[in-house]
Amino acid sequence: MLFALRRLLAYILDIAILYGVLAGGLQTLTSALFGVPNYARLAQMPVQLEGWVLLTISLPTWLYFIICDVRGGSTLGKRVLGLRTTAVSGGPVSVGQAVARTALKLIPWELTHISVLVPNPMWNPGTTPALSQTVGLVAANLLMLVYLIVLALQGGRRSVHDLIAGTSVEPRSERAAAQGQP
Protein backbone atom coordinates (compact mmCIF):
# COMPACT_ATOMS: atom_id res chain seq x y z
CA MET A 1 0.00 0.00 0.00
CA LEU A 2 2.89 2.40 0.67
CA PHE A 3 4.20 1.75 -2.83
CA ALA A 4 0.81 2.69 -4.29
CA LEU A 5 0.90 5.93 -2.28
CA ARG A 6 4.40 6.74 -3.58
CA ARG A 7 3.17 6.18 -7.09
CA LEU A 8 0.09 8.32 -6.53
CA LEU A 9 2.24 11.11 -5.05
CA ALA A 10 4.53 10.94 -8.10
CA TYR A 11 1.50 11.37 -10.38
CA ILE A 12 0.18 14.28 -8.32
CA LEU A 13 3.62 15.93 -8.50
CA ASP A 14 3.70 15.43 -12.28
CA ILE A 15 0.24 16.96 -12.67
CA ALA A 16 1.23 19.93 -10.47
CA ILE A 17 4.36 20.47 -12.58
CA LEU A 18 2.40 20.14 -15.81
CA TYR A 19 -0.34 22.46 -14.58
CA GLY A 20 2.19 25.09 -13.60
CA VAL A 21 4.07 24.84 -16.89
CA LEU A 22 1.04 24.43 -19.16
CA ALA A 23 -1.59 26.60 -17.54
CA GLY A 24 0.89 29.09 -16.18
CA GLY A 25 3.26 29.02 -19.11
CA LEU A 26 1.98 27.77 -22.42
CA GLN A 27 -1.53 29.16 -22.05
CA THR A 28 -0.21 32.52 -20.83
CA LEU A 29 2.24 32.63 -23.73
CA THR A 30 -0.44 31.85 -26.33
CA SER A 31 -2.70 34.43 -24.71
CA ALA A 32 0.02 37.08 -24.92
CA LEU A 33 1.03 36.20 -28.49
CA PHE A 34 -2.39 35.68 -30.02
CA GLY A 35 -4.74 37.51 -27.69
CA VAL A 36 -6.55 34.30 -26.78
CA PRO A 37 -8.35 33.07 -24.95
CA ASN A 38 -11.01 35.63 -24.74
CA TYR A 39 -13.02 33.38 -22.44
CA ALA A 40 -16.25 35.28 -23.05
CA ARG A 41 -15.87 34.67 -26.80
CA LEU A 42 -14.53 31.12 -26.52
CA ALA A 43 -17.30 30.18 -24.09
CA GLN A 44 -19.70 30.72 -26.98
CA MET A 45 -17.58 28.44 -29.22
CA PRO A 46 -17.06 25.20 -27.27
CA VAL A 47 -15.39 23.37 -30.17
CA GLN A 48 -12.74 26.10 -30.47
CA LEU A 49 -12.33 26.17 -26.69
CA GLU A 50 -11.86 22.38 -26.63
CA GLY A 51 -9.33 22.72 -29.47
CA TRP A 52 -7.39 25.34 -27.52
CA VAL A 53 -7.36 23.10 -24.43
CA LEU A 54 -6.28 20.16 -26.59
CA LEU A 55 -3.34 22.08 -28.07
CA THR A 56 -2.17 23.83 -24.90
CA ILE A 57 -2.86 21.19 -22.23
CA SER A 58 -3.72 17.74 -23.54
CA LEU A 59 -1.16 17.37 -26.33
CA PRO A 60 1.80 18.60 -24.24
CA THR A 61 0.70 16.37 -21.35
CA TRP A 62 0.46 13.32 -23.60
CA LEU A 63 3.91 14.07 -25.03
CA TYR A 64 5.39 14.51 -21.55
CA PHE A 65 4.18 11.10 -20.35
CA ILE A 66 5.01 9.28 -23.60
CA ILE A 67 8.52 10.74 -23.89
CA CYS A 68 9.30 10.12 -20.21
CA ASP A 69 8.10 6.50 -20.43
CA VAL A 70 10.20 5.81 -23.53
CA ARG A 71 13.30 7.69 -22.38
CA GLY A 72 14.11 5.83 -19.19
CA GLY A 73 10.65 5.36 -17.71
CA SER A 74 10.73 8.19 -15.21
CA THR A 75 8.69 11.35 -15.18
CA LEU A 76 9.95 14.10 -12.88
CA GLY A 77 7.52 12.93 -10.19
CA LYS A 78 8.75 9.35 -10.47
CA ARG A 79 12.38 10.46 -10.30
CA VAL A 80 11.73 12.40 -7.10
CA LEU A 81 10.04 9.36 -5.55
CA GLY A 82 12.53 6.79 -6.89
CA LEU A 83 10.22 5.03 -9.37
CA ARG A 84 10.34 4.07 -13.03
CA THR A 85 8.07 2.48 -15.59
CA THR A 86 9.26 -0.69 -17.31
CA ALA A 87 7.84 -3.27 -19.65
CA VAL A 88 6.55 -6.29 -17.72
CA SER A 89 9.61 -8.17 -19.00
CA GLY A 90 11.76 -5.67 -17.10
CA GLY A 91 13.03 -3.99 -20.25
CA PRO A 92 12.39 -0.48 -21.48
CA VAL A 93 8.92 0.70 -22.46
CA SER A 94 8.33 0.72 -26.24
CA VAL A 95 6.76 3.67 -28.03
CA GLY A 96 3.60 1.62 -28.60
CA GLN A 97 3.38 0.72 -24.92
CA ALA A 98 3.96 4.35 -23.92
CA VAL A 99 1.23 5.62 -26.25
CA ALA A 100 -1.24 2.95 -25.11
CA ARG A 101 -0.38 3.49 -21.44
CA THR A 102 -0.78 7.27 -21.72
CA ALA A 103 -4.02 7.07 -23.72
CA LEU A 104 -5.58 4.71 -21.19
CA LYS A 105 -4.25 6.62 -18.19
CA LEU A 106 -5.63 9.94 -19.42
CA ILE A 107 -9.10 8.77 -20.52
CA PRO A 108 -10.72 10.10 -17.31
CA TRP A 109 -8.87 13.41 -17.67
CA GLU A 110 -9.88 13.88 -21.33
CA LEU A 111 -13.45 12.79 -20.60
CA THR A 112 -13.58 15.46 -17.90
CA HIS A 113 -12.33 18.15 -20.34
CA ILE A 114 -14.94 17.21 -22.91
CA SER A 115 -17.71 16.94 -20.34
CA VAL A 116 -16.97 20.33 -18.79
CA LEU A 117 -16.63 22.14 -22.14
CA VAL A 118 -19.08 20.53 -24.59
CA PRO A 119 -21.84 21.32 -25.58
CA ASN A 120 -21.43 24.52 -23.48
CA PRO A 121 -18.81 25.34 -20.86
CA MET A 122 -20.34 24.54 -17.49
CA TRP A 123 -19.18 27.85 -15.97
CA ASN A 124 -21.24 30.01 -18.34
CA PRO A 125 -23.75 32.08 -16.35
CA GLY A 126 -27.19 30.50 -16.41
CA THR A 127 -25.91 27.28 -17.96
CA THR A 128 -27.49 24.08 -16.78
CA PRO A 129 -25.21 21.11 -17.48
CA ALA A 130 -26.48 18.86 -20.25
CA LEU A 131 -27.22 15.25 -19.34
CA SER A 132 -24.24 14.19 -21.47
CA GLN A 133 -21.96 16.44 -19.38
CA THR A 134 -23.21 14.97 -16.12
CA VAL A 135 -22.90 11.41 -17.44
CA GLY A 136 -19.37 12.16 -18.70
CA LEU A 137 -18.25 13.52 -15.33
CA VAL A 138 -19.75 10.57 -13.46
CA ALA A 139 -18.07 8.16 -15.90
CA ALA A 140 -14.70 9.92 -15.50
CA ASN A 141 -14.90 9.68 -11.71
CA LEU A 142 -15.97 6.03 -11.81
CA LEU A 143 -13.05 5.22 -14.11
CA MET A 144 -10.64 6.93 -11.70
CA LEU A 145 -12.10 4.88 -8.86
CA VAL A 146 -11.61 1.66 -10.87
CA TYR A 147 -8.02 2.69 -11.67
CA LEU A 148 -7.30 3.31 -7.98
CA ILE A 149 -8.90 0.04 -6.85
CA VAL A 150 -6.90 -1.94 -9.42
CA LEU A 151 -3.74 -0.09 -8.36
CA ALA A 152 -4.35 -1.02 -4.72
CA LEU A 153 -5.11 -4.65 -5.60
CA GLN A 154 -1.90 -4.85 -7.66
CA GLY A 155 0.26 -3.60 -4.79
CA GLY A 156 0.85 -0.28 -6.51
CA ARG A 157 2.85 -1.80 -9.35
CA ARG A 158 0.14 -1.88 -12.02
CA SER A 159 -3.16 -0.16 -12.75
CA VAL A 160 -5.60 -0.63 -15.62
CA HIS A 161 -3.38 1.21 -18.10
CA ASP A 162 -0.34 -0.86 -17.07
CA LEU A 163 -2.20 -4.17 -17.31
CA ILE A 164 -3.39 -3.40 -20.85
CA ALA A 165 -0.13 -1.81 -22.06
CA GLY A 166 2.08 -4.54 -20.55
CA THR A 167 3.96 -2.19 -18.22
CA SER A 168 4.74 -1.96 -14.53
CA VAL A 169 6.04 0.71 -12.18
CA GLU A 170 9.03 -0.40 -10.13
CA PRO A 171 11.51 1.16 -7.73
CA ARG A 172 14.56 2.57 -9.49
CA SER A 173 17.42 0.16 -9.12
CA GLU A 174 20.37 1.29 -7.04
CA ARG A 175 22.72 0.51 -9.96
CA ALA A 176 20.69 2.65 -12.39
CA ALA A 177 20.54 5.48 -9.86
CA ALA A 178 24.31 5.30 -9.34
CA GLN A 179 24.84 5.50 -13.11
CA GLY A 180 22.55 8.52 -13.33
CA GLN A 181 19.84 6.63 -15.22
CA PRO A 182 16.14 7.07 -14.42
C-alpha atoms as a PDB file:
ATOM      1  CA  MET A   1       0.000   0.000   0.000  1.00  0.00           C
ATOM      2  CA  LEU A   2       2.893   2.397   0.670  1.00  0.00           C
ATOM      3  CA  PHE A   3       4.203   1.753  -2.829  1.00  0.00           C
ATOM      4  CA  ALA A   4       0.806   2.694  -4.286  1.00  0.00           C
ATOM      5  CA  LEU A   5       0.895   5.931  -2.276  1.00  0.00           C
ATOM      6  CA  ARG A   6       4.396   6.737  -3.581  1.00  0.00           C
ATOM      7  CA  ARG A   7       3.171   6.177  -7.090  1.00  0.00           C
ATOM      8  CA  LEU A   8       0.092   8.318  -6.526  1.00  0.00           C
ATOM      9  CA  LEU A   9       2.244  11.106  -5.051  1.00  0.00           C
ATOM     10  CA  ALA A  10       4.526  10.935  -8.105  1.00  0.00           C
ATOM     11  CA  TYR A  11       1.499  11.370 -10.378  1.00  0.00           C
ATOM     12  CA  ILE A  12       0.179  14.284  -8.321  1.00  0.00           C
ATOM     13  CA  LEU A  13       3.621  15.927  -8.498  1.00  0.00           C
ATOM     14  CA  ASP A  14       3.702  15.433 -12.277  1.00  0.00           C
ATOM     15  CA  ILE A  15       0.237  16.963 -12.670  1.00  0.00           C
ATOM     16  CA  ALA A  16       1.232  19.926 -10.466  1.00  0.00           C
ATOM     17  CA  ILE A  17       4.361  20.469 -12.575  1.00  0.00           C
ATOM     18  CA  LEU A  18       2.395  20.142 -15.809  1.00  0.00           C
ATOM     19  CA  TYR A  19      -0.340  22.456 -14.582  1.00  0.00           C
ATOM     20  CA  GLY A  20       2.186  25.091 -13.599  1.00  0.00           C
ATOM     21  CA  VAL A  21       4.066  24.844 -16.888  1.00  0.00           C
ATOM     22  CA  LEU A  22       1.041  24.430 -19.155  1.00  0.00           C
ATOM     23  CA  ALA A  23      -1.589  26.597 -17.541  1.00  0.00           C
ATOM     24  CA  GLY A  24       0.887  29.092 -16.176  1.00  0.00           C
ATOM     25  CA  GLY A  25       3.259  29.021 -19.107  1.00  0.00           C
ATOM     26  CA  LEU A  26       1.983  27.767 -22.424  1.00  0.00           C
ATOM     27  CA  GLN A  27      -1.534  29.160 -22.051  1.00  0.00           C
ATOM     28  CA  THR A  28      -0.209  32.519 -20.832  1.00  0.00           C
ATOM     29  CA  LEU A  29       2.240  32.628 -23.734  1.00  0.00           C
ATOM     30  CA  THR A  30      -0.442  31.847 -26.328  1.00  0.00           C
ATOM     31  CA  SER A  31      -2.703  34.426 -24.708  1.00  0.00           C
ATOM     32  CA  ALA A  32       0.025  37.082 -24.923  1.00  0.00           C
ATOM     33  CA  LEU A  33       1.034  36.201 -28.494  1.00  0.00           C
ATOM     34  CA  PHE A  34      -2.393  35.676 -30.018  1.00  0.00           C
ATOM     35  CA  GLY A  35      -4.743  37.508 -27.689  1.00  0.00           C
ATOM     36  CA  VAL A  36      -6.548  34.303 -26.775  1.00  0.00           C
ATOM     37  CA  PRO A  37      -8.348  33.071 -24.954  1.00  0.00           C
ATOM     38  CA  ASN A  38     -11.009  35.629 -24.744  1.00  0.00           C
ATOM     39  CA  TYR A  39     -13.020  33.383 -22.435  1.00  0.00           C
ATOM     40  CA  ALA A  40     -16.247  35.278 -23.047  1.00  0.00           C
ATOM     41  CA  ARG A  41     -15.873  34.674 -26.796  1.00  0.00           C
ATOM     42  CA  LEU A  42     -14.531  31.120 -26.520  1.00  0.00           C
ATOM     43  CA  ALA A  43     -17.301  30.182 -24.092  1.00  0.00           C
ATOM     44  CA  GLN A  44     -19.701  30.719 -26.985  1.00  0.00           C
ATOM     45  CA  MET A  45     -17.585  28.445 -29.218  1.00  0.00           C
ATOM     46  CA  PRO A  46     -17.065  25.202 -27.275  1.00  0.00           C
ATOM     47  CA  VAL A  47     -15.390  23.371 -30.170  1.00  0.00           C
ATOM     48  CA  GLN A  48     -12.738  26.096 -30.471  1.00  0.00           C
ATOM     49  CA  LEU A  49     -12.328  26.167 -26.694  1.00  0.00           C
ATOM     50  CA  GLU A  50     -11.863  22.382 -26.629  1.00  0.00           C
ATOM     51  CA  GLY A  51      -9.328  22.720 -29.466  1.00  0.00           C
ATOM     52  CA  TRP A  52      -7.391  25.343 -27.518  1.00  0.00           C
ATOM     53  CA  VAL A  53      -7.361  23.102 -24.425  1.00  0.00           C
ATOM     54  CA  LEU A  54      -6.284  20.159 -26.594  1.00  0.00           C
ATOM     55  CA  LEU A  55      -3.335  22.078 -28.068  1.00  0.00           C
ATOM     56  CA  THR A  56      -2.174  23.832 -24.895  1.00  0.00           C
ATOM     57  CA  ILE A  57      -2.855  21.195 -22.231  1.00  0.00           C
ATOM     58  CA  SER A  58      -3.723  17.740 -23.541  1.00  0.00           C
ATOM     59  CA  LEU A  59      -1.160  17.367 -26.331  1.00  0.00           C
ATOM     60  CA  PRO A  60       1.804  18.596 -24.242  1.00  0.00           C
ATOM     61  CA  THR A  61       0.702  16.369 -21.347  1.00  0.00           C
ATOM     62  CA  TRP A  62       0.462  13.321 -23.601  1.00  0.00           C
ATOM     63  CA  LEU A  63       3.908  14.071 -25.033  1.00  0.00           C
ATOM     64  CA  TYR A  64       5.388  14.507 -21.548  1.00  0.00           C
ATOM     65  CA  PHE A  65       4.183  11.099 -20.347  1.00  0.00           C
ATOM     66  CA  ILE A  66       5.013   9.281 -23.604  1.00  0.00           C
ATOM     67  CA  ILE A  67       8.521  10.743 -23.892  1.00  0.00           C
ATOM     68  CA  CYS A  68       9.295  10.120 -20.210  1.00  0.00           C
ATOM     69  CA  ASP A  69       8.099   6.498 -20.430  1.00  0.00           C
ATOM     70  CA  VAL A  70      10.203   5.812 -23.532  1.00  0.00           C
ATOM     71  CA  ARG A  71      13.297   7.692 -22.382  1.00  0.00           C
ATOM     72  CA  GLY A  72      14.114   5.830 -19.186  1.00  0.00           C
ATOM     73  CA  GLY A  73      10.649   5.356 -17.715  1.00  0.00           C
ATOM     74  CA  SER A  74      10.731   8.187 -15.206  1.00  0.00           C
ATOM     75  CA  THR A  75       8.694  11.355 -15.176  1.00  0.00           C
ATOM     76  CA  LEU A  76       9.950  14.101 -12.879  1.00  0.00           C
ATOM     77  CA  GLY A  77       7.523  12.930 -10.187  1.00  0.00           C
ATOM     78  CA  LYS A  78       8.755   9.346 -10.468  1.00  0.00           C
ATOM     79  CA  ARG A  79      12.378  10.465 -10.300  1.00  0.00           C
ATOM     80  CA  VAL A  80      11.726  12.396  -7.096  1.00  0.00           C
ATOM     81  CA  LEU A  81      10.040   9.356  -5.549  1.00  0.00           C
ATOM     82  CA  GLY A  82      12.527   6.785  -6.886  1.00  0.00           C
ATOM     83  CA  LEU A  83      10.218   5.031  -9.366  1.00  0.00           C
ATOM     84  CA  ARG A  84      10.343   4.074 -13.028  1.00  0.00           C
ATOM     85  CA  THR A  85       8.071   2.484 -15.595  1.00  0.00           C
ATOM     86  CA  THR A  86       9.261  -0.691 -17.311  1.00  0.00           C
ATOM     87  CA  ALA A  87       7.843  -3.274 -19.652  1.00  0.00           C
ATOM     88  CA  VAL A  88       6.550  -6.295 -17.724  1.00  0.00           C
ATOM     89  CA  SER A  89       9.613  -8.165 -19.004  1.00  0.00           C
ATOM     90  CA  GLY A  90      11.764  -5.673 -17.102  1.00  0.00           C
ATOM     91  CA  GLY A  91      13.035  -3.991 -20.249  1.00  0.00           C
ATOM     92  CA  PRO A  92      12.389  -0.484 -21.477  1.00  0.00           C
ATOM     93  CA  VAL A  93       8.924   0.702 -22.462  1.00  0.00           C
ATOM     94  CA  SER A  94       8.334   0.724 -26.237  1.00  0.00           C
ATOM     95  CA  VAL A  95       6.763   3.670 -28.034  1.00  0.00           C
ATOM     96  CA  GLY A  96       3.597   1.622 -28.603  1.00  0.00           C
ATOM     97  CA  GLN A  97       3.384   0.721 -24.923  1.00  0.00           C
ATOM     98  CA  ALA A  98       3.963   4.350 -23.916  1.00  0.00           C
ATOM     99  CA  VAL A  99       1.234   5.619 -26.249  1.00  0.00           C
ATOM    100  CA  ALA A 100      -1.239   2.955 -25.108  1.00  0.00           C
ATOM    101  CA  ARG A 101      -0.375   3.492 -21.442  1.00  0.00           C
ATOM    102  CA  THR A 102      -0.785   7.272 -21.717  1.00  0.00           C
ATOM    103  CA  ALA A 103      -4.024   7.066 -23.718  1.00  0.00           C
ATOM    104  CA  LEU A 104      -5.582   4.708 -21.193  1.00  0.00           C
ATOM    105  CA  LYS A 105      -4.247   6.616 -18.188  1.00  0.00           C
ATOM    106  CA  LEU A 106      -5.627   9.936 -19.421  1.00  0.00           C
ATOM    107  CA  ILE A 107      -9.098   8.769 -20.519  1.00  0.00           C
ATOM    108  CA  PRO A 108     -10.719  10.104 -17.306  1.00  0.00           C
ATOM    109  CA  TRP A 109      -8.875  13.409 -17.674  1.00  0.00           C
ATOM    110  CA  GLU A 110      -9.882  13.877 -21.325  1.00  0.00           C
ATOM    111  CA  LEU A 111     -13.446  12.790 -20.599  1.00  0.00           C
ATOM    112  CA  THR A 112     -13.581  15.464 -17.900  1.00  0.00           C
ATOM    113  CA  HIS A 113     -12.327  18.149 -20.338  1.00  0.00           C
ATOM    114  CA  ILE A 114     -14.937  17.211 -22.912  1.00  0.00           C
ATOM    115  CA  SER A 115     -17.715  16.945 -20.335  1.00  0.00           C
ATOM    116  CA  VAL A 116     -16.975  20.329 -18.786  1.00  0.00           C
ATOM    117  CA  LEU A 117     -16.628  22.139 -22.138  1.00  0.00           C
ATOM    118  CA  VAL A 118     -19.079  20.533 -24.591  1.00  0.00           C
ATOM    119  CA  PRO A 119     -21.837  21.316 -25.577  1.00  0.00           C
ATOM    120  CA  ASN A 120     -21.432  24.515 -23.485  1.00  0.00           C
ATOM    121  CA  PRO A 121     -18.813  25.342 -20.863  1.00  0.00           C
ATOM    122  CA  MET A 122     -20.340  24.543 -17.486  1.00  0.00           C
ATOM    123  CA  TRP A 123     -19.183  27.848 -15.970  1.00  0.00           C
ATOM    124  CA  ASN A 124     -21.237  30.014 -18.338  1.00  0.00           C
ATOM    125  CA  PRO A 125     -23.749  32.080 -16.351  1.00  0.00           C
ATOM    126  CA  GLY A 126     -27.192  30.500 -16.406  1.00  0.00           C
ATOM    127  CA  THR A 127     -25.905  27.283 -17.957  1.00  0.00           C
ATOM    128  CA  THR A 128     -27.490  24.082 -16.783  1.00  0.00           C
ATOM    129  CA  PRO A 129     -25.205  21.111 -17.481  1.00  0.00           C
ATOM    130  CA  ALA A 130     -26.476  18.862 -20.252  1.00  0.00           C
ATOM    131  CA  LEU A 131     -27.221  15.253 -19.343  1.00  0.00           C
ATOM    132  CA  SER A 132     -24.240  14.191 -21.471  1.00  0.00           C
ATOM    133  CA  GLN A 133     -21.960  16.436 -19.385  1.00  0.00           C
ATOM    134  CA  THR A 134     -23.211  14.968 -16.117  1.00  0.00           C
ATOM    135  CA  VAL A 135     -22.899  11.410 -17.436  1.00  0.00           C
ATOM    136  CA  GLY A 136     -19.374  12.164 -18.703  1.00  0.00           C
ATOM    137  CA  LEU A 137     -18.246  13.520 -15.334  1.00  0.00           C
ATOM    138  CA  VAL A 138     -19.746  10.569 -13.463  1.00  0.00           C
ATOM    139  CA  ALA A 139     -18.069   8.155 -15.896  1.00  0.00           C
ATOM    140  CA  ALA A 140     -14.702   9.917 -15.503  1.00  0.00           C
ATOM    141  CA  ASN A 141     -14.902   9.681 -11.714  1.00  0.00           C
ATOM    142  CA  LEU A 142     -15.968   6.027 -11.808  1.00  0.00           C
ATOM    143  CA  LEU A 143     -13.050   5.223 -14.107  1.00  0.00           C
ATOM    144  CA  MET A 144     -10.641   6.925 -11.697  1.00  0.00           C
ATOM    145  CA  LEU A 145     -12.101   4.877  -8.862  1.00  0.00           C
ATOM    146  CA  VAL A 146     -11.606   1.664 -10.866  1.00  0.00           C
ATOM    147  CA  TYR A 147      -8.015   2.686 -11.668  1.00  0.00           C
ATOM    148  CA  LEU A 148      -7.298   3.313  -7.978  1.00  0.00           C
ATOM    149  CA  ILE A 149      -8.903   0.044  -6.851  1.00  0.00           C
ATOM    150  CA  VAL A 150      -6.900  -1.944  -9.416  1.00  0.00           C
ATOM    151  CA  LEU A 151      -3.740  -0.091  -8.364  1.00  0.00           C
ATOM    152  CA  ALA A 152      -4.345  -1.018  -4.717  1.00  0.00           C
ATOM    153  CA  LEU A 153      -5.112  -4.654  -5.604  1.00  0.00           C
ATOM    154  CA  GLN A 154      -1.903  -4.849  -7.661  1.00  0.00           C
ATOM    155  CA  GLY A 155       0.255  -3.600  -4.792  1.00  0.00           C
ATOM    156  CA  GLY A 156       0.851  -0.276  -6.506  1.00  0.00           C
ATOM    157  CA  ARG A 157       2.845  -1.796  -9.347  1.00  0.00           C
ATOM    158  CA  ARG A 158       0.136  -1.879 -12.021  1.00  0.00           C
ATOM    159  CA  SER A 159      -3.160  -0.159 -12.746  1.00  0.00           C
ATOM    160  CA  VAL A 160      -5.596  -0.634 -15.619  1.00  0.00           C
ATOM    161  CA  HIS A 161      -3.378   1.211 -18.104  1.00  0.00           C
ATOM    162  CA  ASP A 162      -0.345  -0.859 -17.067  1.00  0.00           C
ATOM    163  CA  LEU A 163      -2.205  -4.169 -17.312  1.00  0.00           C
ATOM    164  CA  ILE A 164      -3.389  -3.398 -20.846  1.00  0.00           C
ATOM    165  CA  ALA A 165      -0.131  -1.812 -22.059  1.00  0.00           C
ATOM    166  CA  GLY A 166       2.082  -4.536 -20.549  1.00  0.00           C
ATOM    167  CA  THR A 167       3.960  -2.194 -18.217  1.00  0.00           C
ATOM    168  CA  SER A 168       4.737  -1.961 -14.533  1.00  0.00           C
ATOM    169  CA  VAL A 169       6.037   0.712 -12.175  1.00  0.00           C
ATOM    170  CA  GLU A 170       9.028  -0.397 -10.129  1.00  0.00           C
ATOM    171  CA  PRO A 171      11.512   1.160  -7.735  1.00  0.00           C
ATOM    172  CA  ARG A 172      14.565   2.574  -9.492  1.00  0.00           C
ATOM    173  CA  SER A 173      17.421   0.158  -9.121  1.00  0.00           C
ATOM    174  CA  GLU A 174      20.374   1.289  -7.045  1.00  0.00           C
ATOM    175  CA  ARG A 175      22.716   0.507  -9.963  1.00  0.00           C
ATOM    176  CA  ALA A 176      20.687   2.651 -12.393  1.00  0.00           C
ATOM    177  CA  ALA A 177      20.544   5.480  -9.860  1.00  0.00           C
ATOM    178  CA  ALA A 178      24.311   5.305  -9.336  1.00  0.00           C
ATOM    179  CA  GLN A 179      24.837   5.502 -13.106  1.00  0.00           C
ATOM    180  CA  GLY A 180      22.547   8.525 -13.331  1.00  0.00           C
ATOM    181  CA  GLN A 181      19.844   6.635 -15.221  1.00  0.00           C
ATOM    182  CA  PRO A 182      16.143   7.066 -14.423  1.00  0.00           C
END
